[in-house]
Amino acid sequence: SNLISAVARVRSALAVATHEFFRSRGFLYVHTPLITAADCEGAGEMFQVTTCMEEFEKTKKVDYSKDFFGKPAFLTVSGQLAVENYCCAMSSVYTFGPTFRAENSHTSRHLAEFWMIEPELAFADVHDDMDCAEDYLKYCVKYAMTHNLADLQFFDAQIEKGLLKRLENLLKEPFARVSYTEAIEILTKESPKANFKVPVEWGMDMGSEHERYLAEKVKKKPTIVYNYPKDIKAFYMKLNEDGKTVAAFDCLAPQIGEVIGGSQREDSLEILDKRITDQGMDPKDYWWYRDLRRYGSVPHSGFGLGFERLIMLTTGVENIRDTIPFPRYPGHAEF
C-alpha cells in the first residue's frame, strides 16, 4: 500500500541518518550479541533460547548445564551492557540492532521484536546524555524532511494533519526539561482537570497517559524528564547524592509518550553491587560488568531509542505495528 511503502522509505532514511549522525560525532559502530545470559533491564521479560525441548517434554525440567550454552540463555533485551565494555575501552560507541521483549502488551506502542539505537558516551554525565539525545532526534527529523519531503507530505495529508508544522516546531525550539519531582507536582495540580485513570504520586512509574499529558497538554512539545526514583529504574543507573533518585531521563514525545530512555551509569562498584542485590539479582551473573568498575572506569552515559517509535514520531503513524515489516507481537508471528 501507499502507507507501507512510504513508511519503508522513511525507515530507510532514518537508519541512514542514524549512522551519519554518530559517525559525524566520532562514534564507533559496534555489534553486540543477540543471545545473552544477562538481563539488562532486570524485568525478567525475556525469550529463552534452548535446545532441550525434547527433555522438557519428557521430564518437565531442563538441566541447563547440558544445554547448548551450558547455562540459561536468552534473546537480548538490550545491547547496553556489552556496549559499555566497548565504551570503557574505545571511547564513544553505539549499536543499532534488533532486541526482543516477552511483554504480553497488546498496545499501539509495543512490539515483541523491535530495533534499538544505543549509544554510550565516554566522559559524559546525564546532562551531556540529554543533549546528545535531543541533537540526535532533531538530526533525524531534519534528515527526513530534507530527503523524504514527498512522503512526509503524504503523511501530513492522509495520517496526521499538521505533521509538517509539528516537525518544524520540533526543530525550532529546545525540548522542555523538568525533573521527575517537578513533573509529579505539575501532574498533581492538573489531576482534577486531566482525570487520570491512575492517581499521581511521587514514586510511581508514570504511564502513557501521564507522559502524553505532560508533553501534549502542559509543555506542548517534546519533554525530557530526569532524576527518577531509584526504585523504578534499572540497577546500572547512577545513584544521585540524595540517595533517593538516579541520574536517569526519559524523552517524552506528544502523541507517543516515551521515545528515549537513558542515564549516567553507576561507576561505584559498592553501590552497583547493592543495587543488583536490592533488585533480587545475583552479582555473580554480572561479574564481567562489575569488573569494568573494579579495574578502573570512566564516567559514562548512554541511552536507548526504540527505532519504531522514532518512525511514529516522524510519520504520525499511530500504530507501531505499521512501522516495521512483519511485526511480532503476542499471538502473532506470521511469515
C-alpha atoms as a PDB file:
ATOM      1  CA  SER A   1       0.000   0.000   0.000  1.00  0.00           C
ATOM      2  CA  ASN A   2       0.994   3.664  -0.253  1.00  0.00           C
ATOM      3  CA  LEU A   3       1.257   3.856   3.540  1.00  0.00           C
ATOM      4  CA  ILE A   4       3.573   0.869   3.959  1.00  0.00           C
ATOM      5  CA  SER A   5       5.847   1.897   1.066  1.00  0.00           C
ATOM      6  CA  ALA A   6       6.119   5.474   2.392  1.00  0.00           C
ATOM      7  CA  VAL A   7       6.935   4.148   5.878  1.00  0.00           C
ATOM      8  CA  ALA A   8       9.602   1.850   4.385  1.00  0.00           C
ATOM      9  CA  ARG A   9      11.293   4.783   2.629  1.00  0.00           C
ATOM     10  CA  VAL A  10      11.269   6.924   5.792  1.00  0.00           C
ATOM     11  CA  ARG A  11      12.524   3.961   7.830  1.00  0.00           C
ATOM     12  CA  SER A  12      15.454   3.583   5.438  1.00  0.00           C
ATOM     13  CA  ALA A  13      16.231   7.320   5.603  1.00  0.00           C
ATOM     14  CA  LEU A  14      16.176   7.357   9.417  1.00  0.00           C
ATOM     15  CA  ALA A  15      18.581   4.400   9.515  1.00  0.00           C
ATOM     16  CA  VAL A  16      20.987   6.284   7.228  1.00  0.00           C
ATOM     17  CA  ALA A  17      20.568   9.434   9.359  1.00  0.00           C
ATOM     18  CA  THR A  18      21.400   7.436  12.496  1.00  0.00           C
ATOM     19  CA  HIS A  19      24.727   6.231  11.124  1.00  0.00           C
ATOM     20  CA  GLU A  20      25.582   9.666   9.686  1.00  0.00           C
ATOM     21  CA  PHE A  21      24.842  11.437  12.981  1.00  0.00           C
ATOM     22  CA  PHE A  22      27.028   9.196  15.120  1.00  0.00           C
ATOM     23  CA  ARG A  23      29.819   8.940  12.532  1.00  0.00           C
ATOM     24  CA  SER A  24      29.966  12.742  12.293  1.00  0.00           C
ATOM     25  CA  ARG A  25      30.460  12.882  16.069  1.00  0.00           C
ATOM     26  CA  GLY A  26      33.273  10.356  16.146  1.00  0.00           C
ATOM     27  CA  PHE A  27      31.310   7.380  17.497  1.00  0.00           C
ATOM     28  CA  LEU A  28      32.420   3.841  16.641  1.00  0.00           C
ATOM     29  CA  TYR A  29      29.673   1.476  15.406  1.00  0.00           C
ATOM     30  CA  VAL A  30      29.845  -1.888  17.221  1.00  0.00           C
ATOM     31  CA  HIS A  31      27.810  -5.092  17.069  1.00  0.00           C
ATOM     32  CA  THR A  32      26.516  -6.685  20.264  1.00  0.00           C
ATOM     33  CA  PRO A  33      25.281 -10.272  20.782  1.00  0.00           C
ATOM     34  CA  LEU A  34      21.642 -11.221  20.209  1.00  0.00           C
ATOM     35  CA  ILE A  35      21.951 -14.245  22.517  1.00  0.00           C
ATOM     36  CA  THR A  36      22.877 -13.348  26.084  1.00  0.00           C
ATOM     37  CA  ALA A  37      22.921 -14.717  29.621  1.00  0.00           C
ATOM     38  CA  ALA A  38      22.277 -11.344  31.279  1.00  0.00           C
ATOM     39  CA  ASP A  39      19.003  -9.498  31.871  1.00  0.00           C
ATOM     40  CA  CYS A  40      19.982  -5.868  31.293  1.00  0.00           C
ATOM     41  CA  GLU A  41      16.668  -4.431  32.478  1.00  0.00           C
ATOM     42  CA  GLY A  42      16.151  -6.790  35.419  1.00  0.00           C
ATOM     43  CA  ALA A  43      12.495  -7.159  34.469  1.00  0.00           C
ATOM     44  CA  GLY A  44      12.659 -10.843  33.518  1.00  0.00           C
ATOM     45  CA  GLU A  45      10.617 -10.355  30.330  1.00  0.00           C
ATOM     46  CA  MET A  46      12.969 -12.351  28.109  1.00  0.00           C
ATOM     47  CA  PHE A  47      12.621 -15.006  25.414  1.00  0.00           C
ATOM     48  CA  GLN A  48      14.531 -18.140  26.423  1.00  0.00           C
ATOM     49  CA  VAL A  49      16.821 -19.936  23.971  1.00  0.00           C
ATOM     50  CA  THR A  50      17.161 -23.700  24.480  1.00  0.00           C
ATOM     51  CA  THR A  51      17.839 -26.906  22.549  1.00  0.00           C
ATOM     52  CA  CYS A  52      16.411 -29.059  25.370  1.00  0.00           C
ATOM     53  CA  MET A  53      12.739 -29.080  24.408  1.00  0.00           C
ATOM     54  CA  GLU A  54      12.715 -32.873  23.996  1.00  0.00           C
ATOM     55  CA  GLU A  55      13.983 -33.315  27.558  1.00  0.00           C
ATOM     56  CA  PHE A  56      11.424 -30.796  28.823  1.00  0.00           C
ATOM     57  CA  GLU A  57       8.571 -32.679  27.102  1.00  0.00           C
ATOM     58  CA  LYS A  58       9.573 -35.844  28.980  1.00  0.00           C
ATOM     59  CA  THR A  59      10.571 -34.537  32.425  1.00  0.00           C
ATOM     60  CA  LYS A  60       9.041 -31.028  32.566  1.00  0.00           C
ATOM     61  CA  LYS A  61      12.509 -29.884  33.700  1.00  0.00           C
ATOM     62  CA  VAL A  62      15.613 -28.630  31.907  1.00  0.00           C
ATOM     63  CA  ASP A  63      19.194 -29.222  33.035  1.00  0.00           C
ATOM     64  CA  TYR A  64      20.760 -26.079  31.586  1.00  0.00           C
ATOM     65  CA  SER A  65      24.278 -27.364  32.276  1.00  0.00           C
ATOM     66  CA  LYS A  66      23.608 -29.823  29.417  1.00  0.00           C
ATOM     67  CA  ASP A  67      22.018 -27.203  27.170  1.00  0.00           C
ATOM     68  CA  PHE A  68      23.780 -25.750  24.108  1.00  0.00           C
ATOM     69  CA  PHE A  69      25.493 -22.933  26.054  1.00  0.00           C
ATOM     70  CA  GLY A  70      25.824 -24.819  29.353  1.00  0.00           C
ATOM     71  CA  LYS A  71      23.644 -22.262  31.127  1.00  0.00           C
ATOM     72  CA  PRO A  72      20.305 -20.439  30.637  1.00  0.00           C
ATOM     73  CA  ALA A  73      20.422 -18.196  27.557  1.00  0.00           C
ATOM     74  CA  PHE A  74      18.019 -15.583  26.216  1.00  0.00           C
ATOM     75  CA  LEU A  75      17.365 -13.265  23.295  1.00  0.00           C
ATOM     76  CA  THR A  76      18.727  -9.839  24.182  1.00  0.00           C
ATOM     77  CA  VAL A  77      16.511  -7.098  25.602  1.00  0.00           C
ATOM     78  CA  SER A  78      19.294  -4.535  25.144  1.00  0.00           C
ATOM     79  CA  GLY A  79      22.891  -4.329  23.940  1.00  0.00           C
ATOM     80  CA  GLN A  80      23.759  -1.754  26.580  1.00  0.00           C
ATOM     81  CA  LEU A  81      25.902  -3.804  28.969  1.00  0.00           C
ATOM     82  CA  ALA A  82      28.032  -5.037  26.055  1.00  0.00           C
ATOM     83  CA  VAL A  83      28.271  -1.511  24.620  1.00  0.00           C
ATOM     84  CA  GLU A  84      29.615  -0.274  27.972  1.00  0.00           C
ATOM     85  CA  ASN A  85      32.517  -2.733  27.585  1.00  0.00           C
ATOM     86  CA  TYR A  86      33.451  -1.119  24.279  1.00  0.00           C
ATOM     87  CA  CYS A  87      32.934   2.400  25.635  1.00  0.00           C
ATOM     88  CA  CYS A  88      35.342   1.913  28.538  1.00  0.00           C
ATOM     89  CA  ALA A  89      37.983   0.642  26.095  1.00  0.00           C
ATOM     90  CA  MET A  90      37.395   2.703  22.948  1.00  0.00           C
ATOM     91  CA  SER A  91      35.531   5.880  23.991  1.00  0.00           C
ATOM     92  CA  SER A  92      32.135   6.763  22.482  1.00  0.00           C
ATOM     93  CA  VAL A  93      30.371   3.926  20.645  1.00  0.00           C
ATOM     94  CA  TYR A  94      26.897   2.931  19.501  1.00  0.00           C
ATOM     95  CA  THR A  95      24.985  -0.151  18.427  1.00  0.00           C
ATOM     96  CA  PHE A  96      21.888  -0.425  16.241  1.00  0.00           C
ATOM     97  CA  GLY A  97      20.131  -3.763  16.037  1.00  0.00           C
ATOM     98  CA  PRO A  98      17.142  -5.940  16.934  1.00  0.00           C
ATOM     99  CA  THR A  99      16.006  -6.509  20.514  1.00  0.00           C
ATOM    100  CA  PHE A 100      13.329  -8.752  21.970  1.00  0.00           C
ATOM    101  CA  ARG A 101      10.872  -8.326  24.847  1.00  0.00           C
ATOM    102  CA  ALA A 102       8.441 -11.022  26.018  1.00  0.00           C
ATOM    103  CA  GLU A 103       5.981  -8.441  27.338  1.00  0.00           C
ATOM    104  CA  ASN A 104       2.368  -9.507  26.924  1.00  0.00           C
ATOM    105  CA  SER A 105       1.431  -5.991  25.776  1.00  0.00           C
ATOM    106  CA  HIS A 106      -1.367  -5.512  23.247  1.00  0.00           C
ATOM    107  CA  THR A 107      -0.882  -1.772  22.745  1.00  0.00           C
ATOM    108  CA  SER A 108      -0.216   0.522  19.809  1.00  0.00           C
ATOM    109  CA  ARG A 109       3.273   1.262  21.230  1.00  0.00           C
ATOM    110  CA  HIS A 110       4.749  -2.198  21.918  1.00  0.00           C
ATOM    111  CA  LEU A 111       6.361  -4.921  19.807  1.00  0.00           C
ATOM    112  CA  ALA A 112       7.983  -8.220  20.813  1.00  0.00           C
ATOM    113  CA  GLU A 113      10.767  -7.671  18.242  1.00  0.00           C
ATOM    114  CA  PHE A 114      11.994  -4.163  17.512  1.00  0.00           C
ATOM    115  CA  TRP A 115      15.167  -2.232  16.716  1.00  0.00           C
ATOM    116  CA  MET A 116      17.153  -0.132  19.167  1.00  0.00           C
ATOM    117  CA  ILE A 117      19.793   2.554  18.807  1.00  0.00           C
ATOM    118  CA  GLU A 118      22.054   2.536  21.869  1.00  0.00           C
ATOM    119  CA  PRO A 119      24.958   5.000  22.085  1.00  0.00           C
ATOM    120  CA  GLU A 120      27.372   5.132  25.019  1.00  0.00           C
ATOM    121  CA  LEU A 121      29.277   8.380  25.661  1.00  0.00           C
ATOM    122  CA  ALA A 122      32.639   8.327  27.446  1.00  0.00           C
ATOM    123  CA  PHE A 123      33.419  11.109  29.951  1.00  0.00           C
ATOM    124  CA  ALA A 124      29.777  12.251  29.922  1.00  0.00           C
ATOM    125  CA  ASP A 125      27.201  12.927  32.622  1.00  0.00           C
ATOM    126  CA  VAL A 126      23.420  12.751  32.357  1.00  0.00           C
ATOM    127  CA  HIS A 127      23.186  16.327  31.021  1.00  0.00           C
ATOM    128  CA  ASP A 128      25.610  15.534  28.172  1.00  0.00           C
ATOM    129  CA  ASP A 129      23.478  12.457  27.525  1.00  0.00           C
ATOM    130  CA  MET A 130      20.272  14.508  27.311  1.00  0.00           C
ATOM    131  CA  ASP A 131      21.952  16.983  24.932  1.00  0.00           C
ATOM    132  CA  CYS A 132      23.056  14.130  22.653  1.00  0.00           C
ATOM    133  CA  ALA A 133      19.562  12.588  22.659  1.00  0.00           C
ATOM    134  CA  GLU A 134      17.931  15.897  21.695  1.00  0.00           C
ATOM    135  CA  ASP A 135      20.520  16.587  18.981  1.00  0.00           C
ATOM    136  CA  TYR A 136      20.065  13.083  17.569  1.00  0.00           C
ATOM    137  CA  LEU A 137      16.264  13.328  17.370  1.00  0.00           C
ATOM    138  CA  LYS A 138      16.470  16.706  15.660  1.00  0.00           C
ATOM    139  CA  TYR A 139      19.090  15.459  13.199  1.00  0.00           C
ATOM    140  CA  CYS A 140      16.894  12.508  12.193  1.00  0.00           C
ATOM    141  CA  VAL A 141      13.770  14.636  11.750  1.00  0.00           C
ATOM    142  CA  LYS A 142      15.672  17.222   9.700  1.00  0.00           C
ATOM    143  CA  TYR A 143      17.181  14.455   7.548  1.00  0.00           C
ATOM    144  CA  ALA A 144      13.735  13.006   6.787  1.00  0.00           C
ATOM    145  CA  MET A 145      12.324  16.458   5.983  1.00  0.00           C
ATOM    146  CA  THR A 146      15.221  17.070   3.586  1.00  0.00           C
ATOM    147  CA  HIS A 147      15.321  13.679   1.861  1.00  0.00           C
ATOM    148  CA  ASN A 148      11.725  12.394   2.160  1.00  0.00           C
ATOM    149  CA  LEU A 149       9.579  15.508   1.918  1.00  0.00           C
ATOM    150  CA  ALA A 150       7.098  13.918  -0.529  1.00  0.00           C
ATOM    151  CA  ASP A 151       6.499  11.024   1.872  1.00  0.00           C
ATOM    152  CA  LEU A 152       6.025  13.398   4.814  1.00  0.00           C
ATOM    153  CA  GLN A 153       3.573  15.457   2.749  1.00  0.00           C
ATOM    154  CA  PHE A 154       1.628  12.226   2.139  1.00  0.00           C
ATOM    155  CA  PHE A 155       1.554  11.541   5.898  1.00  0.00           C
ATOM    156  CA  ASP A 156       0.521  15.153   6.538  1.00  0.00           C
ATOM    157  CA  ALA A 157      -2.418  14.799   4.132  1.00  0.00           C
ATOM    158  CA  GLN A 158      -3.517  11.247   4.967  1.00  0.00           C
ATOM    159  CA  ILE A 159      -2.384  10.365   8.506  1.00  0.00           C
ATOM    160  CA  GLU A 160      -1.770  13.419  10.729  1.00  0.00           C
ATOM    161  CA  LYS A 161      -2.979  16.844   9.646  1.00  0.00           C
ATOM    162  CA  GLY A 162      -0.327  19.368  10.669  1.00  0.00           C
ATOM    163  CA  LEU A 163       2.519  16.825  10.817  1.00  0.00           C
ATOM    164  CA  LEU A 164       4.975  19.050   8.934  1.00  0.00           C
ATOM    165  CA  LYS A 165       4.201  22.002  11.201  1.00  0.00           C
ATOM    166  CA  ARG A 166       4.769  19.814  14.276  1.00  0.00           C
ATOM    167  CA  LEU A 167       8.119  18.621  12.923  1.00  0.00           C
ATOM    168  CA  GLU A 168       9.177  22.183  12.056  1.00  0.00           C
ATOM    169  CA  ASN A 169       8.364  23.271  15.615  1.00  0.00           C
ATOM    170  CA  LEU A 170      10.342  20.322  16.996  1.00  0.00           C
ATOM    171  CA  LEU A 171      13.409  21.576  15.115  1.00  0.00           C
ATOM    172  CA  LYS A 172      12.957  25.224  16.110  1.00  0.00           C
ATOM    173  CA  GLU A 173      12.541  25.038  19.874  1.00  0.00           C
ATOM    174  CA  PRO A 174      14.656  23.421  22.583  1.00  0.00           C
ATOM    175  CA  PHE A 175      12.953  20.476  24.262  1.00  0.00           C
ATOM    176  CA  ALA A 176      11.345  21.153  27.638  1.00  0.00           C
ATOM    177  CA  ARG A 177      13.273  19.738  30.619  1.00  0.00           C
ATOM    178  CA  VAL A 178      11.796  19.058  34.068  1.00  0.00           C
ATOM    179  CA  SER A 179      12.872  16.884  36.965  1.00  0.00           C
ATOM    180  CA  TYR A 180      10.682  13.916  37.865  1.00  0.00           C
ATOM    181  CA  THR A 181       9.686  15.664  41.107  1.00  0.00           C
ATOM    182  CA  GLU A 182       8.631  18.789  39.180  1.00  0.00           C
ATOM    183  CA  ALA A 183       6.702  16.623  36.704  1.00  0.00           C
ATOM    184  CA  ILE A 184       4.790  14.922  39.534  1.00  0.00           C
ATOM    185  CA  GLU A 185       3.965  18.328  41.064  1.00  0.00           C
ATOM    186  CA  ILE A 186       2.659  19.565  37.691  1.00  0.00           C
ATOM    187  CA  LEU A 187       0.578  16.427  37.099  1.00  0.00           C
ATOM    188  CA  THR A 188      -0.832  16.532  40.644  1.00  0.00           C
ATOM    189  CA  LYS A 189      -2.064  20.087  40.056  1.00  0.00           C
ATOM    190  CA  GLU A 190      -3.523  19.058  36.684  1.00  0.00           C
ATOM    191  CA  SER A 191      -5.173  15.871  38.020  1.00  0.00           C
ATOM    192  CA  PRO A 192      -8.690  17.276  38.612  1.00  0.00           C
ATOM    193  CA  LYS A 193      -8.807  18.534  35.021  1.00  0.00           C
ATOM    194  CA  ALA A 194      -6.958  15.595  33.433  1.00  0.00           C
ATOM    195  CA  ASN A 195      -8.979  12.870  35.184  1.00  0.00           C
ATOM    196  CA  PHE A 196      -6.132  10.319  35.078  1.00  0.00           C
ATOM    197  CA  LYS A 197      -7.063   6.643  35.379  1.00  0.00           C
ATOM    198  CA  VAL A 198      -4.034   6.036  37.634  1.00  0.00           C
ATOM    199  CA  PRO A 199      -3.641   8.551  40.503  1.00  0.00           C
ATOM    200  CA  VAL A 200      -0.453  10.631  40.525  1.00  0.00           C
ATOM    201  CA  GLU A 201       2.008  10.210  43.395  1.00  0.00           C
ATOM    202  CA  TRP A 202       5.756  10.552  43.890  1.00  0.00           C
ATOM    203  CA  GLY A 203       7.470   7.216  43.330  1.00  0.00           C
ATOM    204  CA  MET A 204       5.101   5.997  40.623  1.00  0.00           C
ATOM    205  CA  ASP A 205       6.283   4.853  37.219  1.00  0.00           C
ATOM    206  CA  MET A 206       4.412   7.296  35.006  1.00  0.00           C
ATOM    207  CA  GLY A 207       2.097   5.665  32.486  1.00  0.00           C
ATOM    208  CA  SER A 208       1.442   6.680  28.904  1.00  0.00           C
ATOM    209  CA  GLU A 209      -1.478   8.893  29.967  1.00  0.00           C
ATOM    210  CA  HIS A 210       0.794  10.909  32.293  1.00  0.00           C
ATOM    211  CA  GLU A 211       3.689  11.127  29.839  1.00  0.00           C
ATOM    212  CA  ARG A 212       1.490  12.233  26.965  1.00  0.00           C
ATOM    213  CA  TYR A 213      -0.417  14.767  29.068  1.00  0.00           C
ATOM    214  CA  LEU A 214       2.856  16.361  30.171  1.00  0.00           C
ATOM    215  CA  ALA A 215       4.236  16.561  26.612  1.00  0.00           C
ATOM    216  CA  GLU A 216       0.970  17.367  24.779  1.00  0.00           C
ATOM    217  CA  LYS A 217      -1.126  19.486  27.136  1.00  0.00           C
ATOM    218  CA  VAL A 218       1.362  21.094  29.528  1.00  0.00           C
ATOM    219  CA  LYS A 219       4.632  21.598  27.618  1.00  0.00           C
ATOM    220  CA  LYS A 220       3.163  21.178  24.105  1.00  0.00           C
ATOM    221  CA  LYS A 221       6.480  19.835  22.761  1.00  0.00           C
ATOM    222  CA  PRO A 222       8.989  17.020  23.372  1.00  0.00           C
ATOM    223  CA  THR A 223       9.811  16.941  27.073  1.00  0.00           C
ATOM    224  CA  ILE A 224      12.754  15.410  28.924  1.00  0.00           C
ATOM    225  CA  VAL A 225      12.064  14.223  32.478  1.00  0.00           C
ATOM    226  CA  TYR A 226      15.141  13.422  34.589  1.00  0.00           C
ATOM    227  CA  ASN A 227      16.204  12.271  38.090  1.00  0.00           C
ATOM    228  CA  TYR A 228      13.725   9.415  38.564  1.00  0.00           C
ATOM    229  CA  PRO A 229      13.188   7.485  41.833  1.00  0.00           C
ATOM    230  CA  LYS A 230      15.773   4.706  42.079  1.00  0.00           C
ATOM    231  CA  ASP A 231      13.180   2.031  42.884  1.00  0.00           C
ATOM    232  CA  ILE A 232      11.537   2.255  39.443  1.00  0.00           C
ATOM    233  CA  LYS A 233      14.746   2.316  37.398  1.00  0.00           C
ATOM    234  CA  ALA A 234      17.401  -0.247  36.444  1.00  0.00           C
ATOM    235  CA  PHE A 235      20.330  -1.251  38.664  1.00  0.00           C
ATOM    236  CA  TYR A 236      23.053   0.299  36.462  1.00  0.00           C
ATOM    237  CA  MET A 237      21.815   3.913  36.737  1.00  0.00           C
ATOM    238  CA  LYS A 238      23.940   6.286  38.828  1.00  0.00           C
ATOM    239  CA  LEU A 239      22.593   6.994  42.301  1.00  0.00           C
ATOM    240  CA  ASN A 240      22.255  10.728  42.960  1.00  0.00           C
ATOM    241  CA  GLU A 241      23.568  12.369  46.130  1.00  0.00           C
ATOM    242  CA  ASP A 242      20.062  12.461  47.647  1.00  0.00           C
ATOM    243  CA  GLY A 243      20.112   8.633  47.811  1.00  0.00           C
ATOM    244  CA  LYS A 244      16.523   8.510  46.501  1.00  0.00           C
ATOM    245  CA  THR A 245      16.860   9.267  42.799  1.00  0.00           C
ATOM    246  CA  VAL A 246      19.074   8.186  39.913  1.00  0.00           C
ATOM    247  CA  ALA A 247      20.615  10.240  37.099  1.00  0.00           C
ATOM    248  CA  ALA A 248      18.190   8.861  34.517  1.00  0.00           C
ATOM    249  CA  PHE A 249      15.999  10.548  31.919  1.00  0.00           C
ATOM    250  CA  ASP A 250      13.127   9.780  29.568  1.00  0.00           C
ATOM    251  CA  CYS A 251      12.367  11.833  26.467  1.00  0.00           C
ATOM    252  CA  LEU A 252       8.596  12.075  26.011  1.00  0.00           C
ATOM    253  CA  ALA A 253       7.010  12.983  22.693  1.00  0.00           C
ATOM    254  CA  PRO A 254       3.483  14.249  22.009  1.00  0.00           C
ATOM    255  CA  GLN A 255       1.187  11.523  20.603  1.00  0.00           C
ATOM    256  CA  ILE A 256       3.582   8.751  21.675  1.00  0.00           C
ATOM    257  CA  GLY A 257       4.984   9.087  25.182  1.00  0.00           C
ATOM    258  CA  GLU A 258       8.459   7.733  25.882  1.00  0.00           C
ATOM    259  CA  VAL A 259      10.763   7.664  22.855  1.00  0.00           C
ATOM    260  CA  ILE A 260      14.171   7.572  24.566  1.00  0.00           C
ATOM    261  CA  GLY A 261      15.334   6.315  27.944  1.00  0.00           C
ATOM    262  CA  GLY A 262      18.856   6.994  29.182  1.00  0.00           C
ATOM    263  CA  SER A 263      21.085   7.504  32.192  1.00  0.00           C
ATOM    264  CA  GLN A 264      24.500   8.147  33.579  1.00  0.00           C
ATOM    265  CA  ARG A 265      25.928   4.766  34.605  1.00  0.00           C
ATOM    266  CA  GLU A 266      26.846   3.843  38.171  1.00  0.00           C
ATOM    267  CA  ASP A 267      30.634   3.854  38.488  1.00  0.00           C
ATOM    268  CA  SER A 268      30.917   2.801  42.154  1.00  0.00           C
ATOM    269  CA  LEU A 269      31.276  -0.993  42.474  1.00  0.00           C
ATOM    270  CA  GLU A 270      29.966  -0.942  46.051  1.00  0.00           C
ATOM    271  CA  ILE A 271      26.774   0.920  45.099  1.00  0.00           C
ATOM    272  CA  LEU A 272      26.348  -1.174  41.933  1.00  0.00           C
ATOM    273  CA  ASP A 273      26.521  -4.432  43.923  1.00  0.00           C
ATOM    274  CA  LYS A 274      23.927  -3.171  46.390  1.00  0.00           C
ATOM    275  CA  ARG A 275      21.602  -2.091  43.569  1.00  0.00           C
ATOM    276  CA  ILE A 276      21.920  -5.511  41.886  1.00  0.00           C
ATOM    277  CA  THR A 277      21.194  -7.316  45.168  1.00  0.00           C
ATOM    278  CA  ASP A 278      18.303  -4.983  46.062  1.00  0.00           C
ATOM    279  CA  GLN A 279      16.635  -5.898  42.762  1.00  0.00           C
ATOM    280  CA  GLY A 280      16.822  -9.617  43.568  1.00  0.00           C
ATOM    281  CA  MET A 281      19.616 -10.461  41.143  1.00  0.00           C
ATOM    282  CA  ASP A 282      22.921 -12.249  41.733  1.00  0.00           C
ATOM    283  CA  PRO A 283      26.051 -10.061  41.353  1.00  0.00           C
ATOM    284  CA  LYS A 284      27.963 -13.169  40.185  1.00  0.00           C
ATOM    285  CA  ASP A 285      25.872 -13.210  36.989  1.00  0.00           C
ATOM    286  CA  TYR A 286      27.299  -9.760  36.186  1.00  0.00           C
ATOM    287  CA  TRP A 287      30.944 -10.405  37.141  1.00  0.00           C
ATOM    288  CA  TRP A 288      32.266  -9.091  33.820  1.00  0.00           C
ATOM    289  CA  TYR A 289      30.162  -5.916  34.073  1.00  0.00           C
ATOM    290  CA  ARG A 290      31.264  -5.352  37.679  1.00  0.00           C
ATOM    291  CA  ASP A 291      34.905  -5.814  36.653  1.00  0.00           C
ATOM    292  CA  LEU A 292      34.574  -2.689  34.479  1.00  0.00           C
ATOM    293  CA  ARG A 293      34.280  -0.777  37.767  1.00  0.00           C
ATOM    294  CA  ARG A 294      36.761  -2.867  39.721  1.00  0.00           C
ATOM    295  CA  TYR A 295      39.637  -2.238  37.313  1.00  0.00           C
ATOM    296  CA  GLY A 296      39.027   1.427  36.605  1.00  0.00           C
ATOM    297  CA  SER A 297      36.127   3.027  34.808  1.00  0.00           C
ATOM    298  CA  VAL A 298      35.362   6.414  33.322  1.00  0.00           C
ATOM    299  CA  PRO A 299      32.227   8.484  33.874  1.00  0.00           C
ATOM    300  CA  HIS A 300      29.938   7.426  31.045  1.00  0.00           C
ATOM    301  CA  SER A 301      26.321   7.738  29.992  1.00  0.00           C
ATOM    302  CA  GLY A 302      24.062   6.392  27.296  1.00  0.00           C
ATOM    303  CA  PHE A 303      20.529   5.970  26.074  1.00  0.00           C
ATOM    304  CA  GLY A 304      18.289   3.620  24.157  1.00  0.00           C
ATOM    305  CA  LEU A 305      15.883   4.723  21.447  1.00  0.00           C
ATOM    306  CA  GLY A 306      13.203   2.448  20.053  1.00  0.00           C
ATOM    307  CA  PHE A 307      13.623   2.913  16.299  1.00  0.00           C
ATOM    308  CA  GLU A 308       9.960   2.193  15.553  1.00  0.00           C
ATOM    309  CA  ARG A 309       8.871   4.923  17.966  1.00  0.00           C
ATOM    310  CA  LEU A 310      11.157   7.348  16.135  1.00  0.00           C
ATOM    311  CA  ILE A 311       9.336   6.367  12.935  1.00  0.00           C
ATOM    312  CA  MET A 312       5.977   7.032  14.655  1.00  0.00           C
ATOM    313  CA  LEU A 313       7.251  10.453  15.751  1.00  0.00           C
ATOM    314  CA  THR A 314       8.426  11.323  12.229  1.00  0.00           C
ATOM    315  CA  THR A 315       5.457  10.000  10.230  1.00  0.00           C
ATOM    316  CA  GLY A 316       2.474  10.468  12.541  1.00  0.00           C
ATOM    317  CA  VAL A 317       1.597   6.761  12.167  1.00  0.00           C
ATOM    318  CA  GLU A 318      -0.368   5.846  15.300  1.00  0.00           C
ATOM    319  CA  ASN A 319       0.170   2.077  15.481  1.00  0.00           C
ATOM    320  CA  ILE A 320       3.721   0.832  15.932  1.00  0.00           C
ATOM    321  CA  ARG A 321       2.825  -2.367  14.041  1.00  0.00           C
ATOM    322  CA  ASP A 322       2.672  -0.282  10.850  1.00  0.00           C
ATOM    323  CA  THR A 323       6.278   0.910  11.220  1.00  0.00           C
ATOM    324  CA  ILE A 324       8.104  -2.407  10.751  1.00  0.00           C
ATOM    325  CA  PRO A 325       7.904  -5.146   8.106  1.00  0.00           C
ATOM    326  CA  PHE A 326       6.395  -8.349   9.547  1.00  0.00           C
ATOM    327  CA  PRO A 327       5.576  -7.118  13.081  1.00  0.00           C
ATOM    328  CA  ARG A 328       5.909  -9.540  16.007  1.00  0.00           C
ATOM    329  CA  TYR A 329       3.564  -9.167  18.976  1.00  0.00           C
ATOM    330  CA  PRO A 330       1.694 -11.528  21.358  1.00  0.00           C
ATOM    331  CA  GLY A 331      -0.103 -14.224  19.385  1.00  0.00           C
ATOM    332  CA  HIS A 332       1.306 -13.045  16.051  1.00  0.00           C
ATOM    333  CA  ALA A 333       4.447 -14.232  14.248  1.00  0.00           C
ATOM    334  CA  GLU A 334       3.339 -14.568  10.639  1.00  0.00           C
ATOM    335  CA  PHE A 335       5.718 -15.375   7.749  1.00  0.00           C
END
